[in-house]
Amino acid sequence: MKKIEAIIKPFKLDEVKEALHDVGISGITVTEAKGFGRQKGHTELYRGAEYVVDFVPKVKIEVVVSDAQMERAAEAIRDAAHTGRIGDGKIFISTVEEAIRIRTGETGDDAI
């Protein structure tokens, strides 16, 4: 099993959710996040005073998939979240040792 974590622009969330649904991924976890990478944040003007916004709003998506679904899921996220502009985000993929469904006790791929 693989865990896919994607940090994306908030306005791309619905497109990514639909893209994952289209490739057969039904369960995702979404967390609001703030951060910056190469884009470093930006300067804004408020009541005549200029200030730096160090952290940019992002959305973190987490999904656990079978090894067979990993490539399709990562590709779906990449294609749906892509704008071609700085700050599109990142996708991280890691191995999951075990998954257990609390309600039924199912394990492994059956639990996801």
Protein backbone atom coordinates (compact mmCIF):
# COMPACT_ATOMS: atom_id res chain seq x y z
CA MET A 1 0.00 0.00 0.00
CA LYS A 2 1.08 3.58 -0.61
CA LYS A 3 0.20 6.85 1.07
CA ILE A 4 -0.02 9.80 -1.28
CA GLU A 5 0.22 13.26 0.27
CA ALA A 6 -0.34 16.21 -2.03
CA ILE A 7 0.00 19.89 -1.19
CA ILE A 8 -2.06 21.88 -3.69
CA LYS A 9 -3.68 25.26 -4.27
CA PRO A 10 -7.04 25.45 -2.46
CA PHE A 11 -9.07 26.32 -5.55
CA LYS A 12 -7.93 23.06 -7.19
CA LEU A 13 -9.43 20.83 -4.48
CA ASP A 14 -12.71 20.06 -6.25
CA GLU A 15 -10.93 19.18 -9.50
CA VAL A 16 -8.51 16.87 -7.67
CA LYS A 17 -11.36 15.23 -5.73
CA GLU A 18 -13.24 14.55 -8.98
CA ALA A 19 -10.11 13.24 -10.71
CA LEU A 20 -9.48 10.80 -7.85
CA HIS A 21 -13.10 9.67 -7.93
CA ASP A 22 -12.81 9.08 -11.69
CA VAL A 23 -9.88 6.67 -11.16
CA GLY A 24 -11.71 4.78 -8.43
CA ILE A 25 -10.36 6.41 -5.26
CA SER A 26 -13.24 6.99 -2.87
CA GLY A 27 -11.72 8.06 0.44
CA ILE A 28 -9.50 11.09 0.99
CA THR A 29 -8.50 13.25 3.91
CA VAL A 30 -8.22 17.02 3.40
CA THR A 31 -6.46 19.42 5.74
CA GLU A 32 -6.08 23.18 5.42
CA ALA A 33 -2.40 24.08 5.54
CA LYS A 34 -0.10 27.06 5.20
CA GLY A 35 3.44 27.04 3.89
CA PHE A 36 5.83 28.17 1.24
CA GLY A 37 8.42 26.74 -1.09
CA ARG A 38 10.25 28.53 -3.84
CA GLN A 39 7.49 31.14 -4.10
CA LYS A 40 8.46 32.43 -0.61
CA GLY A 41 5.17 34.18 0.13
CA HIS A 42 4.19 37.65 -1.06
CA THR A 43 3.67 41.27 -0.05
CA GLU A 44 0.21 42.74 0.53
CA LEU A 45 -1.14 46.18 1.27
CA TYR A 46 -3.55 46.69 4.20
CA ARG A 47 -4.84 50.14 5.15
CA GLY A 48 -1.88 51.78 3.49
CA ALA A 49 0.70 49.62 5.24
CA GLU A 50 2.69 47.01 3.36
CA TYR A 51 3.32 43.68 5.04
CA VAL A 52 4.76 40.32 4.06
CA VAL A 53 2.62 37.19 4.04
CA ASP A 54 5.16 34.48 4.83
CA PHE A 55 2.84 31.51 4.54
CA VAL A 56 0.63 30.85 1.56
CA PRO A 57 -2.71 29.03 2.04
CA LYS A 58 -2.60 25.46 0.74
CA VAL A 59 -4.61 22.26 1.03
CA LYS A 60 -3.08 18.94 2.00
CA ILE A 61 -4.71 15.83 0.57
CA GLU A 62 -3.92 12.40 1.94
CA VAL A 63 -5.02 9.13 0.39
CA VAL A 64 -3.93 5.53 0.97
CA VAL A 65 -4.15 3.30 -2.10
CA SER A 66 -3.11 -0.17 -3.19
CA ASP A 67 0.22 -0.44 -4.99
CA ALA A 68 -1.68 -1.05 -8.25
CA GLN A 69 -3.63 2.24 -7.92
CA MET A 70 -0.67 4.42 -6.93
CA GLU A 71 0.45 5.54 -10.39
CA ARG A 72 -3.05 6.37 -11.61
CA ALA A 73 -3.87 8.26 -8.42
CA ALA A 74 -0.66 10.32 -8.48
CA GLU A 75 -1.17 11.10 -12.17
CA ALA A 76 -4.79 12.16 -11.52
CA ILE A 77 -3.67 14.53 -8.76
CA ARG A 78 -0.84 15.95 -10.86
CA ASP A 79 -3.03 16.57 -13.89
CA ALA A 80 -5.94 18.07 -11.93
CA ALA A 81 -3.79 20.33 -9.70
CA HIS A 82 -1.57 21.64 -12.51
CA THR A 83 -1.84 25.30 -13.50
CA GLY A 84 1.68 25.76 -14.84
CA ARG A 85 2.35 28.57 -12.40
CA ILE A 86 4.64 28.71 -9.39
CA GLY A 87 3.13 27.22 -6.23
CA ASP A 88 1.22 24.36 -7.88
CA GLY A 89 2.42 22.12 -5.05
CA LYS A 90 4.08 18.79 -4.44
CA ILE A 91 3.14 15.12 -4.27
CA PHE A 92 4.84 12.79 -1.79
CA ILE A 93 4.47 9.01 -1.93
CA SER A 94 5.47 6.71 0.92
CA THR A 95 4.97 3.08 1.84
CA VAL A 96 2.28 2.10 4.34
CA GLU A 97 3.11 -0.98 6.41
CA GLU A 98 -0.42 -1.83 7.45
CA ALA A 99 -3.97 -0.51 7.45
CA ILE A 100 -6.74 -1.63 9.80
CA ARG A 101 -10.41 -0.73 9.52
CA ILE A 102 -11.51 -0.07 13.08
CA ARG A 103 -15.17 -0.99 12.60
CA THR A 104 -14.64 -4.46 11.06
CA GLY A 105 -11.04 -5.32 11.85
CA GLU A 106 -10.21 -5.78 8.16
CA THR A 107 -6.54 -5.34 7.32
CA GLY A 108 -4.36 -4.52 4.34
CA ASP A 109 -5.99 -3.65 1.01
CA ASP A 110 -9.39 -4.74 2.39
CA ALA A 111 -9.17 -1.93 4.94
CA ILE A 112 -8.76 0.78 2.35
